[in-house]
Amino acid sequence: ESLPRHKVYHELATEQQHCDCGCELEAYDEVLSEQLGIIPAELYVIQHCRKKYRCTQCKDKAPVTATMPPQPFPKSQASPELMADIIVSKFLDGLPFYRQEAIWKRIDIHLPRATQANWSIAAGKLAQPLVNLLKDHQQQGHITHIDETPVQVLKESGKPPDGKKYFWVTVGGPKSNIILFHYDPSRGSEVARVLLEGTQGTVMSDDWLVYGKVCDDLKLTHIACNDHARRRFDEALKAEPKKKKTTGISKAEMGLNFYKKLYAIERRSKGASPEEKYQTRQEKSVPIWQSFIAWIEKHIDKVTPESKLGKALHYTWKLRGKLSYYCEDGHLPMSNEKAENAIRPFAIARKNFLFFDTPR
């Protein structure tokens, strides 16, 4: 509705504007239909004209030239608008630099991928103070979500080109969620320590042992993601042989049923205050958890540990305290979906640009 409308009028040809009776037809109304139009990116050149001044009386005085306002990319052809377009195209839309180079070439603009990469590196340096402020804000939140995903970097010192390096993501904040990415060739505890240092309250992650160790060292409460536990029961169900006749509900289905009830409570509590969520969880979720854990304890020794079901049971049993801890605080979520949702667009884009050349 907010878009401008450009009307294109269509009239009868002159020879059709006459009735069979001989009278001329009169236009009295119109039939309106709409299409969405688009004007491709409009390119223009910004000319910075620095005016020169001189005194008309003092012939021996040197002229004075107006100074340029500070530029994000001094002595560069990159305007802030162009740089923003290149970065958004790569990291949000998954267009690697070589594809953007080809797109620019179609409209006779020579913009090599190396130039785009160098501009992006410069933009990253410019953004660092803002990233630092966002980090400070993120650490004031009640809970921090953390996750990591592998990425290939060809020229990483001391690492083979095809070896795994990592992008880490942290999500959190007192009101709005701040999402920050961090690259490091390591998946070790020192990286997690740097990212979580200064964090308050609770950390939500998967069961990677590094997170639990760092949280213990930093005196942070570490809780586990229920999506990961539920997924294991789902995998166990899918791995079951197909039966021609039903022989009753399987153990994998029973495990999933417990989770269905727990997730249903969370869906019904969406939009409730933290206090109301806490009360609901104590009254409804806690009894289900107690029954769930008792059921696991009863069956865990009757299932082969290496089987899909065995792994699901042992995983949930081992993390039972961290998985059910969300019931003790209405501010806490049940899963780490915020971190996983934040990292998913990058993982999709990564399929397009495949690798990075250098850490920079």
Protein backbone atom coordinates (compact mmCIF):
# COMPACT_ATOMS: atom_id res chain seq x y z
CA GLU A 1 0.00 0.00 0.00
CA SER A 2 2.86 2.41 0.70
CA LEU A 3 4.46 2.02 -2.73
CA PRO A 4 4.03 4.79 -5.32
CA ARG A 5 1.59 4.11 -8.15
CA HIS A 6 2.45 4.83 -11.79
CA LYS A 7 -0.69 4.79 -13.90
CA VAL A 8 -0.49 3.49 -17.45
CA TYR A 9 -3.62 4.32 -19.44
CA HIS A 10 -4.91 2.03 -22.18
CA GLU A 11 -7.41 3.45 -24.65
CA LEU A 12 -9.34 2.05 -27.56
CA ALA A 13 -7.76 2.61 -30.94
CA THR A 14 -9.21 5.65 -32.73
CA GLU A 15 -11.12 3.53 -35.22
CA GLN A 16 -12.72 1.58 -32.35
CA GLN A 17 -14.03 4.66 -30.56
CA HIS A 18 -17.17 4.83 -32.71
CA CYS A 19 -20.47 3.04 -32.10
CA ASP A 20 -22.25 1.15 -34.89
CA CYS A 21 -24.88 3.87 -34.78
CA GLY A 22 -22.32 6.43 -35.81
CA CYS A 23 -21.88 8.19 -32.43
CA GLU A 24 -18.46 8.66 -30.82
CA LEU A 25 -17.87 6.58 -27.66
CA GLU A 26 -17.33 8.47 -24.41
CA ALA A 27 -14.92 7.27 -21.68
CA TYR A 28 -16.81 7.29 -18.37
CA ASP A 29 -14.97 4.82 -16.04
CA GLU A 30 -11.91 2.57 -15.84
CA VAL A 31 -11.07 -1.01 -14.87
CA LEU A 32 -8.03 -1.13 -12.59
CA SER A 33 -5.56 -3.99 -12.18
CA GLU A 34 -2.08 -3.89 -10.59
CA GLN A 35 1.35 -5.39 -11.21
CA LEU A 36 4.47 -5.04 -9.08
CA GLY A 37 7.24 -3.28 -11.00
CA ILE A 38 10.92 -2.89 -10.21
CA ILE A 39 13.66 -0.47 -11.21
CA PRO A 40 17.04 -2.29 -11.12
CA ALA A 41 19.77 -0.85 -8.91
CA GLU A 42 20.46 2.69 -10.03
CA LEU A 43 24.16 3.50 -10.17
CA TYR A 44 25.54 6.99 -9.94
CA VAL A 45 28.91 8.63 -9.26
CA ILE A 46 29.32 10.86 -6.22
CA GLN A 47 31.59 13.80 -7.11
CA HIS A 48 33.12 15.49 -4.06
CA CYS A 49 33.69 19.09 -5.15
CA ARG A 50 35.99 20.87 -2.69
CA LYS A 51 35.64 24.57 -3.28
CA LYS A 52 38.76 26.78 -3.34
CA TYR A 53 38.71 30.27 -1.85
CA ARG A 54 41.00 33.25 -2.30
CA CYS A 55 41.14 36.83 -1.14
CA THR A 56 40.49 39.28 -3.96
CA GLN A 57 42.68 41.89 -2.25
CA CYS A 58 45.67 39.87 -0.98
CA LYS A 59 47.46 38.65 -4.07
CA ASP A 60 50.27 37.00 -2.06
CA LYS A 61 47.96 34.77 0.08
CA ALA A 62 47.64 31.08 -0.88
CA PRO A 63 44.13 29.89 -1.71
CA VAL A 64 42.18 27.93 0.92
CA THR A 65 40.51 24.63 -0.06
CA ALA A 66 37.49 23.21 1.79
CA THR A 67 38.31 20.01 3.63
CA MET A 68 36.65 16.68 2.91
CA PRO A 69 34.42 15.32 5.67
CA PRO A 70 35.76 12.09 7.20
CA GLN A 71 35.24 9.15 4.85
CA PRO A 72 34.77 5.52 5.93
CA PHE A 73 37.04 4.40 3.11
CA PRO A 74 39.52 7.23 2.38
CA LYS A 75 40.97 7.37 -1.15
CA SER A 76 38.65 4.58 -2.21
CA GLN A 77 35.91 4.38 -4.84
CA ALA A 78 33.67 2.60 -2.31
CA SER A 79 30.83 4.67 -0.90
CA PRO A 80 29.19 3.48 2.34
CA GLU A 81 26.06 2.53 0.33
CA LEU A 82 28.05 0.39 -2.10
CA MET A 83 29.93 -1.31 0.74
CA ALA A 84 26.70 -2.11 2.59
CA ASP A 85 25.22 -3.61 -0.58
CA ILE A 86 28.25 -5.88 -1.12
CA ILE A 87 28.28 -7.12 2.49
CA VAL A 88 24.53 -7.74 2.68
CA SER A 89 24.66 -9.57 -0.66
CA LYS A 90 27.37 -11.92 0.58
CA PHE A 91 26.50 -12.66 4.19
CA LEU A 92 22.70 -12.36 4.13
CA ASP A 93 21.92 -13.35 0.55
CA GLY A 94 24.75 -15.87 0.11
CA LEU A 95 26.27 -14.23 -3.00
CA PRO A 96 30.03 -14.87 -2.99
CA PHE A 97 32.30 -12.13 -4.30
CA TYR A 98 32.98 -13.88 -7.60
CA ARG A 99 29.24 -13.96 -8.36
CA GLN A 100 28.89 -10.31 -7.45
CA GLU A 101 31.83 -9.57 -9.74
CA ALA A 102 29.92 -11.22 -12.60
CA ILE A 103 26.74 -9.30 -11.75
CA TRP A 104 28.61 -5.97 -11.83
CA LYS A 105 30.27 -6.95 -15.09
CA ARG A 106 26.86 -7.31 -16.77
CA ILE A 107 26.37 -3.56 -16.31
CA ASP A 108 29.95 -2.70 -17.35
CA ILE A 109 31.32 -2.10 -13.84
CA HIS A 110 34.72 -3.67 -13.13
CA LEU A 111 34.69 -4.69 -9.45
CA PRO A 112 37.12 -7.60 -8.86
CA ARG A 113 36.48 -10.04 -6.04
CA ALA A 114 39.82 -9.12 -4.42
CA THR A 115 38.74 -5.49 -4.22
CA GLN A 116 35.43 -6.48 -2.64
CA ALA A 117 37.28 -8.65 -0.11
CA ASN A 118 39.66 -5.82 0.85
CA TRP A 119 36.77 -3.41 1.24
CA SER A 120 34.96 -5.92 3.46
CA ILE A 121 38.04 -6.28 5.67
CA ALA A 122 38.18 -2.49 6.04
CA ALA A 123 34.45 -2.39 6.86
CA GLY A 124 35.01 -5.02 9.56
CA LYS A 125 37.59 -2.80 11.23
CA LEU A 126 35.22 0.16 11.10
CA ALA A 127 32.44 -1.90 12.72
CA GLN A 128 34.57 -3.18 15.61
CA PRO A 129 33.66 -0.37 18.08
CA LEU A 130 29.98 -1.09 17.44
CA VAL A 131 30.59 -4.82 17.90
CA ASN A 132 32.26 -4.06 21.26
CA LEU A 133 29.22 -2.06 22.40
CA LEU A 134 26.88 -4.84 21.27
CA LYS A 135 28.98 -7.34 23.21
CA ASP A 136 28.66 -5.23 26.39
CA HIS A 137 24.90 -5.08 25.90
CA GLN A 138 24.64 -8.80 25.18
CA GLN A 139 26.38 -9.69 28.43
CA GLN A 140 23.72 -7.91 30.47
CA GLY A 141 21.10 -10.47 29.49
CA HIS A 142 19.60 -13.15 31.70
CA ILE A 143 20.75 -15.96 29.40
CA THR A 144 23.36 -16.39 26.68
CA HIS A 145 22.93 -18.90 23.85
CA ILE A 146 26.11 -20.22 22.24
CA ASP A 147 26.85 -22.52 19.30
CA GLU A 148 29.47 -23.09 16.61
CA THR A 149 29.63 -24.28 13.02
CA PRO A 150 32.61 -25.43 10.92
CA VAL A 151 33.99 -23.32 8.08
CA GLN A 152 36.87 -23.84 5.65
CA VAL A 153 39.71 -21.30 5.61
CA LEU A 154 42.50 -22.11 3.16
CA LYS A 155 45.42 -20.10 4.54
CA GLU A 156 45.21 -20.52 8.30
CA SER A 157 48.63 -20.65 9.95
CA GLY A 158 49.49 -24.14 11.22
CA LYS A 159 46.27 -25.65 9.89
CA PRO A 160 45.72 -27.72 6.73
CA PRO A 161 43.50 -26.06 4.07
CA ASP A 162 40.83 -28.75 4.35
CA GLY A 163 40.84 -28.86 8.16
CA LYS A 164 37.89 -27.59 10.18
CA LYS A 165 37.87 -24.06 11.54
CA TYR A 166 34.89 -22.49 13.29
CA PHE A 167 32.44 -19.65 13.37
CA TRP A 168 31.02 -19.25 16.86
CA VAL A 169 27.77 -17.42 17.57
CA THR A 170 26.45 -15.92 20.79
CA VAL A 171 22.89 -14.65 21.26
CA GLY A 172 21.53 -12.72 24.20
CA GLY A 173 20.64 -9.36 25.70
CA PRO A 174 18.39 -7.85 28.39
CA LYS A 175 15.56 -6.98 25.97
CA SER A 176 16.43 -7.48 22.31
CA ASN A 177 18.64 -10.34 21.17
CA ILE A 178 22.13 -9.33 20.07
CA ILE A 179 23.65 -11.85 17.63
CA LEU A 180 27.45 -11.86 17.35
CA PHE A 181 29.71 -14.07 15.24
CA HIS A 182 33.33 -14.85 16.05
CA TYR A 183 35.87 -16.72 13.93
CA ASP A 184 38.57 -18.94 15.42
CA PRO A 185 40.46 -21.91 13.99
CA SER A 186 39.98 -23.73 17.30
CA ARG A 187 36.96 -25.34 18.93
CA GLY A 188 38.74 -25.38 22.30
CA SER A 189 37.80 -24.10 25.73
CA GLU A 190 39.89 -20.91 25.46
CA VAL A 191 37.65 -19.60 22.69
CA ALA A 192 34.49 -20.36 24.69
CA ARG A 193 36.08 -18.71 27.74
CA VAL A 194 36.76 -15.47 25.80
CA LEU A 195 33.19 -15.41 24.46
CA LEU A 196 31.53 -16.13 27.81
CA GLU A 197 33.78 -14.03 30.05
CA GLY A 198 31.66 -11.27 31.59
CA THR A 199 28.41 -13.11 30.87
CA GLN A 200 25.86 -13.18 33.67
CA GLY A 201 23.44 -15.87 34.76
CA THR A 202 22.83 -18.85 32.52
CA VAL A 203 24.40 -20.32 29.39
CA MET A 204 22.41 -22.52 26.98
CA SER A 205 24.28 -24.82 24.58
CA ASP A 206 24.55 -28.35 23.27
CA ASP A 207 26.46 -31.02 25.20
CA TRP A 208 29.93 -30.14 23.86
CA LEU A 209 32.07 -30.74 27.00
CA VAL A 210 33.93 -27.44 26.52
CA TYR A 211 30.85 -25.41 27.44
CA GLY A 212 30.25 -27.23 30.70
CA LYS A 213 33.90 -26.89 31.75
CA VAL A 214 34.06 -23.17 30.99
CA CYS A 215 30.76 -22.50 32.77
CA ASP A 216 32.06 -24.30 35.86
CA ASP A 217 35.25 -22.21 35.78
CA LEU A 218 33.34 -18.94 35.33
CA LYS A 219 30.69 -19.89 37.92
CA LEU A 220 27.91 -19.79 35.33
CA THR A 221 24.83 -22.02 35.28
CA HIS A 222 25.03 -24.31 32.26
CA ILE A 223 21.83 -25.82 30.85
CA ALA A 224 21.30 -28.15 27.90
CA CYS A 225 19.14 -27.95 24.80
CA ASN A 226 16.07 -30.20 24.78
CA ASP A 227 15.88 -30.10 20.97
CA HIS A 228 19.09 -32.17 20.88
CA ALA A 229 17.68 -34.78 23.27
CA ARG A 230 14.33 -34.97 21.50
CA ARG A 231 16.11 -35.34 18.15
CA ARG A 232 17.82 -38.50 19.40
CA PHE A 233 14.50 -40.16 20.16
CA ASP A 234 13.26 -39.10 16.73
CA GLU A 235 16.33 -40.68 15.10
CA ALA A 236 15.75 -43.85 17.12
CA LEU A 237 12.16 -44.02 15.87
CA LYS A 238 13.25 -43.57 12.25
CA ALA A 239 15.85 -46.32 12.66
CA GLU A 240 13.27 -48.87 13.78
CA PRO A 241 12.47 -51.59 11.23
CA LYS A 242 9.20 -51.17 9.36
CA LYS A 243 6.53 -53.49 10.75
CA LYS A 244 3.62 -54.85 8.78
CA LYS A 245 1.49 -55.05 11.91
CA THR A 246 1.52 -52.71 14.81
CA THR A 247 2.72 -54.32 18.02
CA GLY A 248 2.00 -51.42 20.32
CA ILE A 249 3.89 -48.22 20.96
CA SER A 250 7.69 -48.47 20.83
CA LYS A 251 10.09 -47.08 23.44
CA ALA A 252 11.30 -44.41 21.01
CA GLU A 253 7.69 -43.28 20.51
CA MET A 254 7.18 -43.22 24.27
CA GLY A 255 10.22 -40.96 24.68
CA LEU A 256 8.87 -38.65 21.98
CA ASN A 257 5.47 -38.60 23.65
CA PHE A 258 7.00 -37.25 26.85
CA TYR A 259 8.59 -34.50 24.83
CA LYS A 260 5.36 -33.78 22.94
CA LYS A 261 3.65 -33.07 26.26
CA LEU A 262 6.50 -30.85 27.48
CA TYR A 263 6.65 -28.84 24.25
CA ALA A 264 2.85 -28.48 24.22
CA ILE A 265 3.01 -26.81 27.65
CA GLU A 266 5.61 -24.35 26.32
CA ARG A 267 3.47 -23.52 23.28
CA ARG A 268 0.47 -22.79 25.47
CA SER A 269 2.62 -20.59 27.74
CA LYS A 270 3.93 -18.45 24.88
CA GLY A 271 3.42 -14.80 25.70
CA ALA A 272 3.02 -15.42 29.44
CA SER A 273 5.16 -13.53 31.96
CA PRO A 274 8.24 -15.26 33.46
CA GLU A 275 6.37 -15.61 36.74
CA GLU A 276 3.41 -17.28 35.03
CA LYS A 277 5.72 -19.58 33.06
CA TYR A 278 7.50 -20.63 36.24
CA GLN A 279 4.21 -21.44 37.93
CA THR A 280 2.95 -23.43 34.93
CA ARG A 281 6.19 -25.38 34.64
CA GLN A 282 6.20 -26.24 38.33
CA GLU A 283 2.61 -27.46 38.21
CA LYS A 284 2.61 -29.25 34.83
CA SER A 285 6.13 -29.76 33.42
CA VAL A 286 7.91 -30.95 36.57
CA PRO A 287 5.59 -33.98 37.10
CA ILE A 288 6.09 -35.00 33.45
CA TRP A 289 9.86 -34.71 33.84
CA GLN A 290 9.76 -36.86 36.96
CA SER A 291 7.78 -39.55 35.12
CA PHE A 292 10.09 -39.26 32.09
CA ILE A 293 13.27 -39.73 34.12
CA ALA A 294 11.74 -42.61 36.08
CA TRP A 295 10.79 -44.27 32.77
CA ILE A 296 14.35 -43.84 31.44
CA GLU A 297 15.82 -45.30 34.64
CA LYS A 298 13.57 -48.34 34.26
CA HIS A 299 14.56 -49.07 30.64
CA ILE A 300 18.11 -47.74 30.28
CA ASP A 301 19.81 -51.03 31.25
CA LYS A 302 17.54 -53.08 29.00
CA VAL A 303 18.68 -51.40 25.77
CA THR A 304 22.01 -51.76 23.95
CA PRO A 305 23.96 -48.54 24.67
CA GLU A 306 25.31 -48.38 21.09
CA SER A 307 21.83 -48.48 19.53
CA LYS A 308 20.02 -45.29 18.53
CA LEU A 309 17.55 -45.76 21.35
CA GLY A 310 20.34 -46.57 23.81
CA LYS A 311 22.14 -43.35 22.87
CA ALA A 312 18.93 -41.35 23.30
CA LEU A 313 18.29 -42.82 26.75
CA HIS A 314 21.87 -42.39 27.96
CA TYR A 315 22.10 -38.83 26.60
CA THR A 316 18.90 -37.73 28.35
CA TRP A 317 19.80 -39.54 31.58
CA LYS A 318 23.26 -37.99 31.70
CA LEU A 319 21.91 -34.45 31.16
CA ARG A 320 18.63 -34.83 33.05
CA GLY A 321 19.43 -31.99 35.47
CA LYS A 322 20.57 -29.58 32.75
CA LEU A 323 17.65 -30.47 30.48
CA SER A 324 14.95 -29.91 33.10
CA TYR A 325 16.57 -26.84 34.75
CA TYR A 326 14.46 -24.44 32.64
CA CYS A 327 11.52 -25.36 34.90
CA GLU A 328 13.25 -23.50 37.77
CA ASP A 329 13.23 -20.09 36.04
CA GLY A 330 10.48 -18.59 33.89
CA HIS A 331 13.04 -16.51 31.97
CA LEU A 332 14.76 -19.60 30.58
CA PRO A 333 13.86 -21.27 27.27
CA MET A 334 13.55 -24.99 26.71
CA SER A 335 15.98 -25.17 23.79
CA ASN A 336 18.92 -23.48 22.11
CA GLU A 337 16.88 -22.58 19.02
CA LYS A 338 17.88 -18.90 19.16
CA ALA A 339 21.53 -19.76 18.52
CA GLU A 340 20.68 -22.42 15.94
CA ASN A 341 18.30 -20.07 14.11
CA ALA A 342 20.95 -17.34 14.14
CA ILE A 343 23.62 -19.61 12.68
CA ARG A 344 21.38 -21.24 10.06
CA PRO A 345 21.47 -18.37 7.49
CA PHE A 346 25.27 -18.43 7.62
CA ALA A 347 25.32 -22.19 7.16
CA ILE A 348 23.07 -21.83 4.10
CA ALA A 349 25.23 -19.02 2.64
CA ARG A 350 28.35 -21.10 3.30
CA LYS A 351 27.18 -23.62 0.70
CA ASN A 352 27.53 -20.86 -1.88
CA PHE A 353 30.90 -19.36 -1.01
CA LEU A 354 32.35 -22.72 0.18
CA PHE A 355 35.49 -21.33 1.82
CA PHE A 356 37.46 -18.26 2.86
CA ASP A 357 40.95 -17.58 1.56
CA THR A 358 42.52 -16.10 4.72
CA PRO A 359 41.41 -15.43 8.32
CA ARG A 360 41.15 -11.71 7.52
